[in-house]
Protein backbone atom coordinates (compact mmCIF):
# COMPACT_ATOMS: atom_id res chain seq x y z
CA GLN A 1 98.68 75.91 90.87
CA VAL A 2 97.17 76.25 94.34
CA HIS A 3 95.52 73.45 96.27
CA LEU A 4 93.21 73.84 99.29
CA VAL A 5 92.27 71.12 101.75
CA GLU A 6 89.55 71.56 104.36
CA SER A 7 89.22 69.61 107.59
CA GLY A 8 87.20 69.63 110.80
CA GLY A 9 83.65 69.09 109.65
CA GLY A 10 81.21 66.64 111.14
CA LEU A 11 77.96 66.14 112.99
CA VAL A 12 77.20 68.20 116.09
CA GLN A 13 74.16 69.05 118.16
CA PRO A 14 72.67 72.55 118.29
CA GLY A 15 74.67 74.76 120.62
CA GLU A 16 77.92 72.88 120.12
CA SER A 17 81.09 74.08 118.42
CA LEU A 18 83.26 73.07 115.50
CA ARG A 19 86.49 74.42 114.09
CA LEU A 20 87.12 74.21 110.36
CA SER A 21 90.60 74.50 108.97
CA CYS A 22 91.82 75.09 105.44
CA ALA A 23 95.43 74.52 104.41
CA ALA A 24 96.85 75.94 101.20
CA SER A 25 99.76 74.67 99.17
CA GLY A 26 101.32 75.51 95.84
CA ARG A 27 102.26 78.80 94.24
CA LEU A 28 101.20 81.48 96.72
CA VAL A 29 102.35 84.92 95.68
CA ARG A 30 99.97 87.56 96.97
CA ILE A 31 96.91 86.42 98.94
CA ALA A 32 94.20 89.06 98.79
CA VAL A 33 91.19 87.30 100.31
CA LEU A 34 90.61 84.18 102.40
CA GLY A 35 87.05 83.14 102.92
CA TRP A 36 84.56 80.48 103.99
CA TYR A 37 81.34 79.85 102.09
CA ARG A 38 78.39 77.61 102.89
CA GLN A 39 75.92 75.87 100.65
CA ALA A 40 72.86 74.63 102.49
CA PRO A 41 70.70 71.89 100.94
CA GLY A 42 68.63 73.33 98.10
CA LYS A 43 70.15 76.80 98.43
CA GLU A 44 72.76 78.93 96.71
CA ARG A 45 76.27 79.14 98.09
CA GLU A 46 76.67 82.10 100.42
CA LEU A 47 79.53 83.91 102.08
CA VAL A 48 79.95 83.05 105.76
CA ALA A 49 83.10 85.00 106.59
CA ARG A 50 86.18 86.38 104.88
CA ILE A 51 89.46 88.11 105.60
CA LEU A 52 90.64 90.95 103.40
CA VAL A 53 94.32 90.21 103.92
CA PRO A 54 96.06 93.49 103.01
CA ALA A 55 93.61 95.51 105.08
CA ARG A 56 93.46 92.90 107.86
CA GLU A 57 89.70 93.32 107.78
CA THR A 58 87.12 90.62 108.48
CA ASN A 59 83.54 90.43 107.24
CA TYR A 60 80.77 88.13 108.49
CA ALA A 61 77.30 87.17 107.36
CA ASP A 62 74.72 88.67 109.71
CA SER A 63 73.53 85.19 110.64
CA VAL A 64 76.88 84.22 112.17
CA LYS A 65 78.10 87.47 113.73
CA GLY A 66 79.09 87.00 117.34
CA ARG A 67 79.23 83.21 117.01
CA PHE A 68 81.81 82.53 114.27
CA THR A 69 85.41 83.73 114.11
CA ILE A 70 87.59 83.58 111.01
CA SER A 71 91.35 83.59 111.49
CA ARG A 72 94.33 83.39 109.23
CA GLU A 73 96.63 80.42 109.83
CA VAL A 74 99.95 81.74 108.65
CA VAL A 75 101.88 78.49 109.17
CA LYS A 76 99.46 76.58 106.94
CA ASN A 77 99.05 79.50 104.54
CA GLY A 78 95.38 78.98 105.22
CA VAL A 79 92.38 79.99 107.22
CA SER A 80 90.25 78.62 110.05
CA LEU A 81 86.65 79.14 111.07
CA GLN A 82 85.70 78.71 114.71
CA MET A 83 81.96 78.09 114.89
CA ASN A 84 80.30 78.37 118.28
CA ASN A 85 76.68 77.92 119.28
CA LEU A 86 75.88 76.19 116.03
CA LYS A 87 72.29 76.17 114.84
CA PRO A 88 70.48 73.70 112.56
CA GLU A 89 70.47 76.31 109.79
CA GLY A 90 74.26 76.12 109.86
CA THR A 91 74.06 72.73 108.15
CA GLY A 92 75.69 72.62 104.76
CA VAL A 93 78.85 72.12 102.78
CA TYR A 94 81.51 74.60 103.81
CA SER A 95 84.17 75.54 101.29
CA CYS A 96 87.20 77.72 101.69
CA CYS A 97 88.26 80.11 98.98
CA LEU A 98 91.59 81.81 98.37
CA ARG A 99 91.97 84.75 96.02
CA GLN A 100 95.29 86.02 94.79
CA VAL A 101 96.05 89.13 92.80
CA ILE A 102 99.04 88.65 90.52
CA GLY A 103 100.04 91.23 87.98
CA GLY A 104 96.66 92.91 88.24
CA ASP A 105 94.75 89.69 87.57
CA SER A 106 92.60 87.92 90.17
CA TYR A 107 92.80 84.15 90.67
CA GLU A 108 90.43 82.14 92.86
CA THR A 109 90.99 78.66 94.22
CA TRP A 110 88.31 76.61 95.99
CA GLY A 111 88.56 73.68 98.33
CA GLN A 112 86.56 70.53 97.75
CA GLY A 113 84.12 71.36 100.54
CA ILE A 114 83.40 69.72 103.86
CA GLN A 115 80.08 68.71 105.38
CA VAL A 116 78.82 70.26 108.60
CA THR A 117 75.58 68.89 110.02
CA VAL A 118 73.88 70.46 113.01
CA SER A 119 71.12 68.23 114.29
CA SER A 120 69.73 66.84 117.50
């Protein structure tokens, strides 16, 4: 059983920054992917950024490239998301996701989500 806890959300004005953090605990065997997703009001959940751990590769949504940085937090067995120059369209519930591959099977764990509001 794996448990994820997000922190760092809140209310900021356009142009400001926030750093989200996600800490993982439990049975961690082989982490394949660490990612952040966002669900804006009335919209589907979408990928914001992810780390493909074995390849050490990062992917970003076009809308956040150059402004957001995803990083692995080895000590916490988790992941952070530094969000700079936030825009109102960045408002939503951000959730972290951890995927493990164990014995050829894929297992995903989601955090409870944290609210980020960008508004003047």
